[in-house]
Amino acid sequence: MYRFIKIIVFSFLIIPTLAFSQTDNELDKVVTYTKYNPVLTDAHKIENQPELKEPEVQPLKLVYSFPDLRYKVKPAFTPVLAQTFKAQAPAYVQGNFVKVGFGNYTTPLIHLELHNGRNKNYAYGINAYHLSSKGQPAYKSFMDDNVQVHGAKFMNGNTLSGQLGYKRFGYNYYGYDHNENSFKSDSVKQALNTVLGNIHYDNSKTSKKVKTAFDFDMYHFSNKQQSELGYKVANKTGGKIGPGDFYLTTAFEGMASGPDSVKYNRNYIDINPNYKMRYKAVDISLGVFASIFLDSAEITPYLFPEFRLDYYVVPEKMKAYAGISGGLTKGSTRNLFTENPFLAENQPLRNIYTPYNLFIGIKGKLGSGFEYVFEASQRTINNLPLYLTDTNALRKFIIKYDNVGLVKVQAGLNYTKFQKIQIGTNFSYYLYNSSYAHAFQYPDFEWNTTFSSMVSEKLALHGKFYVIGARYSRDIGALESKKLDPIFDLNVGADYRIRKNISLFIDLNNLTNQTYQRWANYKSYGFNGIAGATFSF
């Protein structure tokens, strides 16, 4: 069986490159993002595909706030990509820097970023980050550590790069009744450890008519009870065919999860052909994503459509779009603990898949500074994890998988003025259809707003507020559900440059001092803040 699998994988990864080498067409444009983008905050299992763009060294951007303070949007409910708002970092903290700070709840911060700068032959650097707190009360304490080294070599249009990183997040299960129960510290502690790496090659800047990229990704995730090893080998090859561009992405992915005594091994073979072209005022994208899932018990094929039409109602000003897609989120212990760190150990793993997602929308520009989007979609998500509370004293979470229908309506608005003022707001409403009374722990709406402003050459302001609608929780075996109150969280910050290479910063979080429950029984920190200095060079 595994010999057969290796033959298939070899064919998928190599044959596309050989086949495309016969074409004489030029590649007009590759609209992708760089694979070489050192960001330590990515806590999700590697799902990236090989990309075909020259690497760029970018400053590490982190939000200095307590881990249980921030609401993490679930993967199925992320904002429309084109409207995701990203605040620009102040110009005087770009490049190499050391950032140190201290906050209430005994919270030290150290953030280091070093790299060689822009160079036509090579790039290398190191990023490191530490944030911890003793908590109030002490059982809310946590420690978040990240370190990453990265490097790249540029050779006549070819790029060879690599990354290696380590992340550790230590915290406690503190959702139990502290008046009725008392636990030793070792019995409530948890730590999530991740080692991850990537090796990448592409020829995107060569004169070759066929562009190709290869990636090898790996990670090792562990907590106190179990571990998971994952790896992925992928190839993306493409070129111009007729009036459009055709790309073929293939990959082989393997994972082994569970306690050391019993491992659950599974593999995936992915293939994703896609063709994009423009006909008059219409952009057409047509493709399919197929994956074959193999474990010791079964072989399961998945097939998802990829079709999208974009019609430019007003060129460069407004376009309407519609299409159908689908997707597969591969079952992973790392994914589950990243989403909900208060899980009980050894939860069952299932592939989460969306057979179809029908969507229609409109996006465009108003004047010189406004951008807008409106989208409506309907989908079915099979094996969506719902989180129910364990009745044991520690109040961990148990997963119940369910097939859930989802209707989503979303509207977004961005405003930018001379790169000095940026404001982005996004509102999403969700309507669920579950076999349970509720889609437990999922919100009925989200409203997020972010702003940043360069008030002067020395002063930069930024902020974010979000409102999260009601969610429902339920204990295992209970008949009644509990409604969790909506969340309102307001956060502001400022950077002030006192010298060319020295600036002061302050970040104030949860200004309303609301100790809300993102996860049932786990109350967030109230008002908290960090202040310090940044030394750039």
Protein backbone atom coordinates (compact mmCIF):
# COMPACT_ATOMS: atom_id res chain seq x y z
CA MET A 1 0.00 0.00 0.00
CA TYR A 2 2.66 2.53 1.03
CA ARG A 3 4.78 1.69 -2.01
CA PHE A 4 1.73 2.45 -4.13
CA ILE A 5 1.24 5.73 -2.27
CA LYS A 6 4.86 6.75 -2.89
CA ILE A 7 4.47 6.12 -6.62
CA ILE A 8 1.35 8.29 -6.73
CA VAL A 9 3.03 11.08 -4.77
CA PHE A 10 6.10 11.03 -7.04
CA SER A 11 3.85 11.26 -10.08
CA PHE A 12 1.80 14.14 -8.66
CA LEU A 13 4.88 16.17 -7.68
CA ILE A 14 7.07 15.61 -10.73
CA ILE A 15 4.84 15.04 -13.76
CA PRO A 16 3.21 18.51 -13.66
CA THR A 17 6.65 20.13 -14.03
CA LEU A 18 7.61 17.89 -16.95
CA ALA A 19 4.32 18.44 -18.70
CA PHE A 20 4.50 22.22 -18.49
CA SER A 21 8.07 22.30 -19.76
CA GLN A 22 6.74 21.66 -23.27
CA THR A 23 4.82 24.96 -23.55
CA ASP A 24 6.15 28.03 -25.43
CA ASN A 25 3.80 30.55 -23.85
CA GLU A 26 4.97 33.40 -21.61
CA LEU A 27 3.76 33.81 -18.06
CA ASP A 28 2.07 37.20 -17.89
CA LYS A 29 1.63 37.59 -14.17
CA VAL A 30 1.59 35.48 -11.06
CA VAL A 31 -0.77 36.95 -8.47
CA THR A 32 0.36 35.25 -5.27
CA TYR A 33 1.99 36.10 -1.97
CA THR A 34 5.40 35.09 -0.76
CA LYS A 35 5.88 31.84 1.09
CA TYR A 36 8.91 33.33 2.81
CA ASN A 37 7.15 35.54 5.33
CA PRO A 38 8.50 35.05 8.86
CA VAL A 39 5.56 35.53 11.20
CA LEU A 40 5.65 33.88 14.59
CA THR A 41 2.00 34.37 15.46
CA ASP A 42 0.69 31.75 13.04
CA ALA A 43 -0.55 28.96 15.28
CA HIS A 44 -2.35 26.87 12.68
CA LYS A 45 -1.30 23.63 11.10
CA ILE A 46 0.62 24.17 7.88
CA GLU A 47 -1.90 24.50 5.05
CA ASN A 48 0.07 26.83 2.76
CA GLN A 49 0.72 25.89 -0.82
CA PRO A 50 3.94 26.71 -2.70
CA GLU A 51 3.99 30.29 -3.93
CA LEU A 52 5.85 31.99 -6.75
CA LYS A 53 7.02 35.39 -5.57
CA GLU A 54 10.30 36.87 -4.41
CA PRO A 55 10.62 36.78 -0.63
CA GLU A 56 10.46 40.04 1.28
CA VAL A 57 11.71 40.62 4.79
CA GLN A 58 8.83 42.01 6.82
CA PRO A 59 8.77 43.23 10.42
CA LEU A 60 7.15 40.93 12.93
CA LYS A 61 3.74 42.30 13.94
CA LEU A 62 2.26 41.17 17.21
CA VAL A 63 -0.60 42.34 19.39
CA TYR A 64 0.57 42.70 22.96
CA SER A 65 -2.40 41.44 24.91
CA PHE A 66 -3.33 38.52 27.12
CA PRO A 67 -4.11 35.28 25.24
CA ASP A 68 -7.59 34.74 26.67
CA LEU A 69 -8.51 38.38 26.07
CA ARG A 70 -8.64 38.23 22.31
CA TYR A 71 -11.57 36.64 20.53
CA LYS A 72 -10.30 34.27 17.82
CA VAL A 73 -12.57 34.03 14.79
CA LYS A 74 -13.10 30.44 13.73
CA PRO A 75 -11.59 29.37 10.38
CA ALA A 76 -15.05 28.91 8.85
CA PHE A 77 -15.95 32.50 9.60
CA THR A 78 -12.99 34.62 8.55
CA PRO A 79 -13.62 38.04 6.93
CA VAL A 80 -13.56 38.45 3.16
CA LEU A 81 -9.87 38.36 2.28
CA ALA A 82 -9.87 41.48 0.15
CA GLN A 83 -11.32 43.50 2.99
CA THR A 84 -9.10 42.31 5.82
CA PHE A 85 -7.76 45.46 7.45
CA LYS A 86 -4.12 45.61 8.47
CA ALA A 87 -2.86 48.61 10.40
CA GLN A 88 0.48 49.90 9.14
CA ALA A 89 3.39 49.77 11.57
CA PRO A 90 4.89 53.19 12.36
CA ALA A 91 7.83 53.90 10.07
CA TYR A 92 10.23 54.45 12.92
CA VAL A 93 9.84 50.91 14.32
CA GLN A 94 10.43 49.06 11.05
CA GLY A 95 13.66 47.14 10.53
CA ASN A 96 15.76 45.81 13.39
CA PHE A 97 14.48 46.59 16.84
CA VAL A 98 14.27 45.55 20.47
CA LYS A 99 11.01 46.20 22.30
CA VAL A 100 10.70 45.89 26.07
CA GLY A 101 7.72 46.62 28.25
CA PHE A 102 5.92 45.86 31.46
CA GLY A 103 2.25 45.80 32.43
CA ASN A 104 -0.16 45.22 35.24
CA TYR A 105 -0.65 41.63 36.53
CA THR A 106 3.20 41.48 36.57
CA THR A 107 3.47 41.21 32.79
CA PRO A 108 6.93 41.51 31.17
CA LEU A 109 7.33 41.83 27.40
CA ILE A 110 10.47 41.30 25.30
CA HIS A 111 10.34 41.43 21.50
CA LEU A 112 13.44 41.20 19.30
CA GLU A 113 13.74 41.32 15.53
CA LEU A 114 17.06 41.23 13.68
CA HIS A 115 17.68 40.79 9.96
CA ASN A 116 20.27 41.81 7.41
CA GLY A 117 17.96 44.18 5.53
CA ARG A 118 17.30 44.21 1.82
CA ASN A 119 19.96 42.44 -0.23
CA LYS A 120 19.84 41.15 -3.80
CA ASN A 121 21.79 37.98 -2.96
CA TYR A 122 20.53 36.73 0.42
CA ALA A 123 18.39 37.44 3.48
CA TYR A 124 18.56 36.11 7.02
CA GLY A 125 17.29 37.01 10.45
CA ILE A 126 15.95 36.01 13.83
CA ASN A 127 12.73 36.88 15.65
CA ALA A 128 12.09 36.30 19.34
CA TYR A 129 9.18 37.16 21.59
CA HIS A 130 8.21 36.65 25.24
CA LEU A 131 5.04 37.70 27.06
CA SER A 132 3.96 36.33 30.43
CA SER A 133 1.84 37.20 33.42
CA LYS A 134 1.43 35.96 36.95
CA GLY A 135 -2.28 36.61 36.60
CA GLN A 136 -4.90 37.87 38.99
CA PRO A 137 -5.80 35.52 40.59
CA ALA A 138 -2.60 33.50 40.18
CA TYR A 139 -4.33 30.59 38.39
CA LYS A 140 -4.80 32.85 35.34
CA SER A 141 -1.05 33.05 34.78
CA PHE A 142 0.41 32.24 31.37
CA MET A 143 3.68 32.31 29.41
CA ASP A 144 3.95 32.81 25.64
CA ASP A 145 7.36 32.29 23.98
CA ASN A 146 8.31 32.33 20.30
CA VAL A 147 11.63 32.18 18.46
CA GLN A 148 12.31 31.81 14.75
CA VAL A 149 15.33 31.89 12.45
CA HIS A 150 14.99 32.32 8.70
CA GLY A 151 17.18 32.72 5.65
CA ALA A 152 17.01 32.91 1.87
CA LYS A 153 19.41 32.81 -1.07
CA PHE A 154 18.58 34.51 -4.40
CA MET A 155 20.30 33.01 -7.46
CA ASN A 156 19.60 34.46 -10.92
CA GLY A 157 15.86 34.53 -10.36
CA ASN A 158 15.77 31.34 -8.27
CA THR A 159 14.99 31.49 -4.57
CA LEU A 160 15.95 28.95 -1.91
CA SER A 161 14.74 29.71 1.60
CA GLY A 162 14.19 28.08 4.96
CA GLN A 163 12.59 28.76 8.32
CA LEU A 164 12.81 27.05 11.71
CA GLY A 165 10.83 28.07 14.77
CA TYR A 166 9.74 27.05 18.24
CA LYS A 167 6.63 28.18 20.15
CA ARG A 168 5.49 27.45 23.67
CA PHE A 169 2.29 28.56 25.34
CA GLY A 170 1.86 27.64 29.00
CA TYR A 171 -1.38 28.24 30.92
CA ASN A 172 -3.81 26.71 33.42
CA TYR A 173 -7.25 25.09 33.33
CA TYR A 174 -8.89 27.64 35.61
CA GLY A 175 -12.59 27.29 34.75
CA TYR A 176 -13.48 25.23 37.84
CA ASP A 177 -15.39 26.46 40.91
CA HIS A 178 -12.64 27.83 43.14
CA ASN A 179 -14.90 27.92 46.20
CA GLU A 180 -15.70 24.21 46.07
CA ASN A 181 -12.51 22.75 44.59
CA SER A 182 -8.79 23.03 45.19
CA PHE A 183 -6.14 21.54 42.92
CA LYS A 184 -2.39 21.33 43.07
CA SER A 185 -0.73 23.51 40.46
CA ASP A 186 0.63 20.55 38.48
CA SER A 187 -2.87 19.12 37.97
CA VAL A 188 -4.21 22.26 36.24
CA LYS A 189 -1.14 23.19 34.18
CA GLN A 190 -1.02 22.78 30.42
CA ALA A 191 1.65 23.67 27.85
CA LEU A 192 1.42 23.67 24.05
CA ASN A 193 4.78 23.20 22.32
CA THR A 194 5.33 23.48 18.58
CA VAL A 195 8.47 23.06 16.50
CA LEU A 196 7.92 24.00 12.87
CA GLY A 197 10.03 24.41 9.77
CA ASN A 198 9.89 25.04 6.04
CA ILE A 199 12.21 24.63 3.04
CA HIS A 200 11.14 26.46 -0.11
CA TYR A 201 12.34 26.78 -3.72
CA ASP A 202 10.90 28.70 -6.66
CA ASN A 203 12.07 30.07 -10.03
CA SER A 204 9.59 32.95 -10.23
CA LYS A 205 12.17 35.55 -11.27
CA THR A 206 13.84 33.54 -14.01
CA SER A 207 13.16 33.91 -17.73
CA LYS A 208 11.75 30.40 -17.91
CA LYS A 209 8.32 30.11 -19.46
CA VAL A 210 7.15 27.68 -16.82
CA LYS A 211 7.16 28.74 -13.18
CA THR A 212 7.39 26.17 -10.42
CA ALA A 213 7.73 26.06 -6.64
CA PHE A 214 8.45 23.29 -4.15
CA ASP A 215 7.85 23.26 -0.41
CA PHE A 216 8.59 20.92 2.43
CA ASP A 217 6.79 21.78 5.68
CA MET A 218 6.95 20.00 9.02
CA TYR A 219 5.82 20.51 12.59
CA HIS A 220 5.86 18.68 15.89
CA PHE A 221 3.12 19.62 18.35
CA SER A 222 2.84 18.36 21.91
CA ASN A 223 1.07 19.02 25.18
CA LYS A 224 1.21 17.20 28.52
CA GLN A 225 -0.92 14.27 27.34
CA GLN A 226 -0.26 13.77 23.61
CA SER A 227 1.73 14.80 20.57
CA GLU A 228 1.37 15.17 16.81
CA LEU A 229 3.90 15.04 13.98
CA GLY A 230 2.97 16.49 10.60
CA TYR A 231 4.75 17.02 7.29
CA LYS A 232 3.83 18.13 3.81
CA VAL A 233 5.55 18.01 0.41
CA ALA A 234 3.98 20.24 -2.26
CA ASN A 235 4.57 21.52 -5.78
CA LYS A 236 2.94 24.32 -7.72
CA THR A 237 3.60 24.60 -11.44
CA GLY A 238 1.99 26.93 -13.94
CA GLY A 239 2.15 28.83 -17.16
CA LYS A 240 0.10 30.71 -19.69
CA ILE A 241 -2.24 28.61 -21.81
CA GLY A 242 -4.36 30.41 -24.40
CA PRO A 243 -5.89 33.60 -22.97
CA GLY A 244 -5.36 32.62 -19.35
CA ASP A 245 -3.08 31.08 -16.73
CA PHE A 246 -3.17 27.46 -15.63
CA TYR A 247 -1.66 26.20 -12.38
CA LEU A 248 -1.50 22.72 -10.93
CA THR A 249 -0.83 22.29 -7.22
CA THR A 250 -0.13 18.83 -5.85
CA ALA A 251 0.79 17.72 -2.35
CA PHE A 252 1.29 14.76 -0.07
CA GLU A 253 0.64 15.28 3.65
CA GLY A 254 1.06 12.97 6.60
CA MET A 255 0.17 13.20 10.30
CA ALA A 256 0.54 10.98 13.34
CA SER A 257 -1.41 11.96 16.47
CA GLY A 258 -2.13 10.61 19.94
CA PRO A 259 -0.37 9.55 23.14
CA ASP A 260 3.02 7.87 22.75
CA SER A 261 1.51 4.42 23.30
CA VAL A 262 -1.08 4.68 20.49
CA LYS A 263 -0.64 6.77 17.34
CA TYR A 264 -3.33 7.56 14.77
CA ASN A 265 -1.61 7.72 11.37
CA ARG A 266 -3.24 9.29 8.33
CA ASN A 267 -2.19 10.61 4.93
CA TYR A 268 -3.60 12.92 2.29
CA ILE A 269 -2.96 13.18 -1.43
CA ASP A 270 -4.08 16.56 -2.83
CA ILE A 271 -4.43 17.80 -6.40
CA ASN A 272 -5.72 21.24 -7.35
CA PRO A 273 -5.82 22.33 -11.02
CA ASN A 274 -7.01 25.91 -11.64
CA TYR A 275 -7.44 28.06 -14.74
CA LYS A 276 -7.97 31.83 -14.71
CA MET A 277 -8.74 34.10 -17.65
CA ARG A 278 -10.42 37.38 -18.53
CA TYR A 279 -13.09 37.67 -21.22
CA LYS A 280 -14.01 41.30 -21.90
CA ALA A 281 -15.22 42.68 -18.53
CA VAL A 282 -15.43 39.27 -16.83
CA ASP A 283 -12.76 37.40 -14.86
CA ILE A 284 -13.31 33.63 -14.84
CA SER A 285 -11.72 31.17 -12.44
CA LEU A 286 -12.39 27.47 -12.85
CA GLY A 287 -10.86 24.57 -10.96
CA VAL A 288 -11.32 21.66 -8.62
CA PHE A 289 -9.72 20.57 -5.37
CA ALA A 290 -9.45 16.82 -4.82
CA SER A 291 -8.01 15.01 -1.83
CA ILE A 292 -7.67 11.31 -1.02
CA PHE A 293 -7.66 10.52 2.70
CA LEU A 294 -5.95 7.31 3.83
CA ASP A 295 -5.74 5.79 7.29
CA SER A 296 -5.65 2.25 8.67
CA ALA A 297 -9.44 1.88 8.43
CA GLU A 298 -10.52 3.56 5.19
CA ILE A 299 -9.73 5.39 1.99
CA THR A 300 -12.01 8.40 1.50
CA PRO A 301 -12.01 10.67 -1.57
CA TYR A 302 -13.03 14.35 -1.37
CA LEU A 303 -13.92 16.52 -4.34
CA PHE A 304 -14.72 20.25 -4.17
CA PRO A 305 -15.66 22.71 -6.93
CA GLU A 306 -13.88 26.00 -7.57
CA PHE A 307 -15.77 28.37 -9.84
CA ARG A 308 -15.97 32.15 -9.68
CA LEU A 309 -17.09 34.97 -11.98
CA ASP A 310 -16.11 38.61 -11.42
CA TYR A 311 -17.97 41.19 -13.55
CA TYR A 312 -16.64 44.75 -13.62
CA VAL A 313 -19.80 46.83 -13.50
CA VAL A 314 -17.72 50.01 -13.45
CA PRO A 315 -14.06 49.43 -14.45
CA GLU A 316 -11.66 50.02 -11.53
CA LYS A 317 -14.60 51.16 -9.36
CA MET A 318 -17.10 48.36 -8.78
CA LYS A 319 -17.43 44.68 -9.51
CA ALA A 320 -19.99 42.01 -8.74
CA TYR A 321 -18.97 38.43 -8.16
CA ALA A 322 -20.52 35.02 -7.57
CA GLY A 323 -19.39 31.44 -7.41
CA ILE A 324 -19.24 28.09 -5.70
CA SER A 325 -16.40 26.57 -3.72
CA GLY A 326 -15.73 23.97 -1.06
CA GLY A 327 -12.96 23.00 1.29
CA LEU A 328 -11.27 20.53 3.60
CA THR A 329 -9.76 21.17 7.04
CA LYS A 330 -7.73 18.13 7.92
CA GLY A 331 -8.32 16.65 11.36
CA SER A 332 -5.51 17.73 13.67
CA THR A 333 -4.88 17.86 17.41
CA ARG A 334 -2.86 21.01 16.86
CA ASN A 335 -5.77 22.71 15.11
CA LEU A 336 -8.19 21.83 17.90
CA PHE A 337 -5.96 23.07 20.73
CA THR A 338 -5.15 26.20 18.78
CA GLU A 339 -8.84 26.96 18.51
CA ASN A 340 -9.76 25.99 22.08
CA PRO A 341 -6.81 25.54 24.49
CA PHE A 342 -9.12 24.31 27.27
CA LEU A 343 -9.92 20.99 25.58
CA ALA A 344 -9.83 17.69 27.41
CA GLU A 345 -7.08 15.36 26.25
CA ASN A 346 -7.36 12.80 23.42
CA GLN A 347 -10.37 14.22 21.59
CA PRO A 348 -11.45 12.34 18.44
CA LEU A 349 -10.15 13.65 15.13
CA ARG A 350 -12.32 14.11 12.06
CA ASN A 351 -11.87 15.90 8.78
CA ILE A 352 -14.01 19.06 8.61
CA TYR A 353 -15.25 19.57 5.07
CA THR A 354 -17.58 21.89 3.19
CA PRO A 355 -19.13 20.11 0.19
CA TYR A 356 -20.25 23.44 -1.25
CA ASN A 357 -20.24 27.14 -0.47
CA LEU A 358 -22.46 29.33 -2.65
CA PHE A 359 -21.59 33.02 -2.52
CA ILE A 360 -22.52 36.29 -4.19
CA GLY A 361 -21.27 39.78 -3.51
CA ILE A 362 -20.21 43.20 -4.64
CA LYS A 363 -17.11 45.23 -3.85
CA GLY A 364 -15.70 48.52 -5.00
CA LYS A 365 -14.37 51.99 -4.28
CA LEU A 366 -16.09 55.24 -3.35
CA GLY A 367 -14.06 58.32 -4.11
CA SER A 368 -10.35 58.21 -3.41
CA GLY A 369 -10.37 56.74 0.08
CA PHE A 370 -13.28 54.35 0.64
CA GLU A 371 -13.51 50.65 -0.19
CA TYR A 372 -16.56 48.50 0.50
CA VAL A 373 -17.75 44.91 0.25
CA PHE A 374 -21.06 43.14 0.73
CA GLU A 375 -21.36 39.37 0.53
CA ALA A 376 -23.94 36.68 1.24
CA SER A 377 -23.17 32.96 1.31
CA GLN A 378 -24.74 29.63 2.16
CA ARG A 379 -22.84 26.45 2.95
CA THR A 380 -22.90 23.14 4.76
CA ILE A 381 -20.03 22.26 7.10
CA ASN A 382 -19.71 18.57 7.84
CA ASN A 383 -18.03 17.49 11.10
CA LEU A 384 -17.94 20.97 12.56
CA PRO A 385 -16.59 20.67 16.16
CA LEU A 386 -19.06 21.91 18.79
CA TYR A 387 -17.65 22.43 22.27
CA LEU A 388 -19.57 21.08 25.28
CA THR A 389 -18.41 21.41 28.87
CA ASP A 390 -17.21 18.35 30.75
CA THR A 391 -18.95 17.81 34.10
CA ASN A 392 -15.68 16.89 35.79
CA ALA A 393 -14.39 19.44 38.26
CA LEU A 394 -11.80 21.01 35.94
CA ARG A 395 -14.51 21.96 33.42
CA LYS A 396 -12.59 21.08 30.28
CA PHE A 397 -14.31 20.90 26.90
CA ILE A 398 -15.49 17.84 25.00
CA ILE A 399 -16.02 17.86 21.24
CA LYS A 400 -19.25 16.78 19.57
CA TYR A 401 -19.07 16.83 15.78
CA ASP A 402 -22.14 17.89 13.83
CA ASN A 403 -23.17 18.69 10.25
CA VAL A 404 -24.14 22.36 10.37
CA GLY A 405 -25.79 24.56 7.76
CA LEU A 406 -24.63 28.16 7.75
CA VAL A 407 -26.00 31.32 6.16
CA LYS A 408 -23.60 34.24 6.43
CA VAL A 409 -24.15 37.90 5.53
CA GLN A 410 -21.18 40.24 5.68
CA ALA A 411 -20.50 43.92 5.04
CA GLY A 412 -17.16 45.73 5.26
CA LEU A 413 -15.88 49.28 4.80
CA ASN A 414 -12.30 50.61 4.69
CA TYR A 415 -11.10 54.20 4.62
CA THR A 416 -7.56 55.33 3.87
CA LYS A 417 -6.24 58.89 3.59
CA PHE A 418 -2.67 59.46 2.41
CA GLN A 419 -1.53 56.44 4.43
CA LYS A 420 -1.90 58.60 7.54
CA ILE A 421 -5.38 57.49 8.53
CA GLN A 422 -6.70 53.96 8.08
CA ILE A 423 -10.01 52.70 9.37
CA GLY A 424 -11.56 49.30 8.67
CA THR A 425 -14.84 47.88 9.90
CA ASN A 426 -16.49 44.54 9.22
CA PHE A 427 -19.86 43.16 10.34
CA SER A 428 -20.86 39.49 9.92
CA TYR A 429 -24.15 37.81 10.80
CA TYR A 430 -24.48 34.01 11.12
CA LEU A 431 -27.52 31.79 10.99
CA TYR A 432 -26.91 28.14 11.94
CA ASN A 433 -28.87 24.97 11.31
CA SER A 434 -27.62 22.26 13.69
CA SER A 435 -29.07 18.98 14.92
CA TYR A 436 -28.50 20.38 18.41
CA ALA A 437 -30.47 23.28 19.84
CA HIS A 438 -27.51 25.57 19.17
CA ALA A 439 -24.10 25.58 17.52
CA PHE A 440 -22.36 25.63 20.89
CA GLN A 441 -19.73 28.36 21.45
CA TYR A 442 -20.30 29.94 18.01
CA PRO A 443 -21.46 33.60 17.90
CA ASP A 444 -24.52 34.88 16.05
CA PHE A 445 -22.68 38.00 14.86
CA GLU A 446 -19.29 39.74 14.94
CA TRP A 447 -18.44 43.41 14.47
CA ASN A 448 -14.77 44.37 14.31
CA THR A 449 -13.30 47.82 13.76
CA THR A 450 -9.61 48.75 13.52
CA PHE A 451 -7.95 52.12 13.08
CA SER A 452 -4.46 53.58 12.88
CA SER A 453 -3.30 57.14 12.42
CA MET A 454 0.01 58.95 12.03
CA VAL A 455 -0.98 62.07 13.94
CA SER A 456 2.45 63.62 13.42
CA GLU A 457 5.97 62.55 12.52
CA LYS A 458 6.45 61.53 16.15
CA LEU A 459 3.03 60.28 17.28
CA ALA A 460 1.10 57.25 15.98
CA LEU A 461 -2.23 56.05 17.37
CA HIS A 462 -3.98 52.72 16.86
CA GLY A 463 -6.95 50.88 18.24
CA LYS A 464 -9.48 48.11 17.83
CA PHE A 465 -12.90 47.38 19.18
CA TYR A 466 -15.05 44.37 18.59
CA VAL A 467 -18.51 43.23 19.56
CA ILE A 468 -19.26 39.50 19.63
CA GLY A 469 -22.86 38.33 19.77
CA ALA A 470 -24.39 35.77 22.07
CA ARG A 471 -23.07 32.20 22.21
CA TYR A 472 -24.58 29.16 23.89
CA SER A 473 -22.89 26.60 26.12
CA ARG A 474 -24.08 23.25 27.49
CA ASP A 475 -22.74 20.65 29.90
CA ILE A 476 -22.35 17.08 28.67
CA GLY A 477 -25.59 15.20 29.39
CA ALA A 478 -27.58 18.35 30.23
CA LEU A 479 -30.88 19.21 28.53
CA GLU A 480 -30.72 22.97 28.98
CA SER A 481 -28.27 25.42 27.41
CA LYS A 482 -26.76 28.54 28.94
CA LYS A 483 -26.62 31.79 26.99
CA LEU A 484 -23.30 33.63 27.26
CA ASP A 485 -23.47 37.42 27.30
CA PRO A 486 -22.27 39.40 24.26
CA ILE A 487 -18.71 40.67 24.32
CA PHE A 488 -17.63 44.28 23.91
CA ASP A 489 -13.89 44.93 23.94
CA LEU A 490 -12.18 48.28 23.31
CA ASN A 491 -8.40 48.57 22.92
CA VAL A 492 -6.19 51.59 22.16
CA GLY A 493 -2.50 52.27 21.91
CA ALA A 494 0.10 54.86 20.97
CA ASP A 495 3.74 55.12 19.88
CA TYR A 496 5.73 58.30 20.43
CA ARG A 497 9.20 58.82 19.01
CA ILE A 498 11.48 60.71 21.37
CA ARG A 499 14.60 60.24 19.23
CA LYS A 500 15.38 58.93 15.76
CA ASN A 501 15.83 55.37 17.00
CA ILE A 502 13.98 55.41 20.33
CA SER A 503 10.23 55.47 20.84
CA LEU A 504 7.83 54.91 23.71
CA PHE A 505 4.68 52.81 23.43
CA ILE A 506 1.58 52.01 25.44
CA ASP A 507 -1.18 49.47 24.76
CA LEU A 508 -4.39 49.54 26.82
CA ASN A 509 -6.76 46.57 26.46
CA ASN A 510 -10.34 45.89 27.53
CA LEU A 511 -11.03 49.49 28.55
CA THR A 512 -14.58 48.55 29.60
CA ASN A 513 -13.09 46.13 32.18
CA GLN A 514 -15.54 43.42 31.08
CA THR A 515 -14.50 39.96 32.33
CA TYR A 516 -16.41 38.17 29.63
CA GLN A 517 -16.35 34.45 28.86
CA ARG A 518 -15.00 33.62 25.43
CA TRP A 519 -15.22 30.00 26.57
CA ALA A 520 -17.83 29.05 29.17
CA ASN A 521 -16.51 29.26 32.77
CA TYR A 522 -13.22 30.84 31.66
CA LYS A 523 -13.44 34.55 32.41
CA SER A 524 -11.05 36.88 30.61
CA TYR A 525 -8.76 39.41 32.18
CA GLY A 526 -10.30 42.80 32.97
CA PHE A 527 -8.56 46.05 32.08
CA ASN A 528 -4.89 45.49 31.31
CA GLY A 529 -2.05 47.37 29.71
CA ILE A 530 1.61 47.29 28.76
CA ALA A 531 3.99 50.23 28.36
CA GLY A 532 7.64 50.37 27.37
CA ALA A 533 10.20 51.46 24.82
CA THR A 534 11.36 50.42 21.35
CA PHE A 535 14.99 50.72 20.28
CA SER A 536 15.41 50.47 16.49
CA PHE A 537 18.63 50.25 14.51
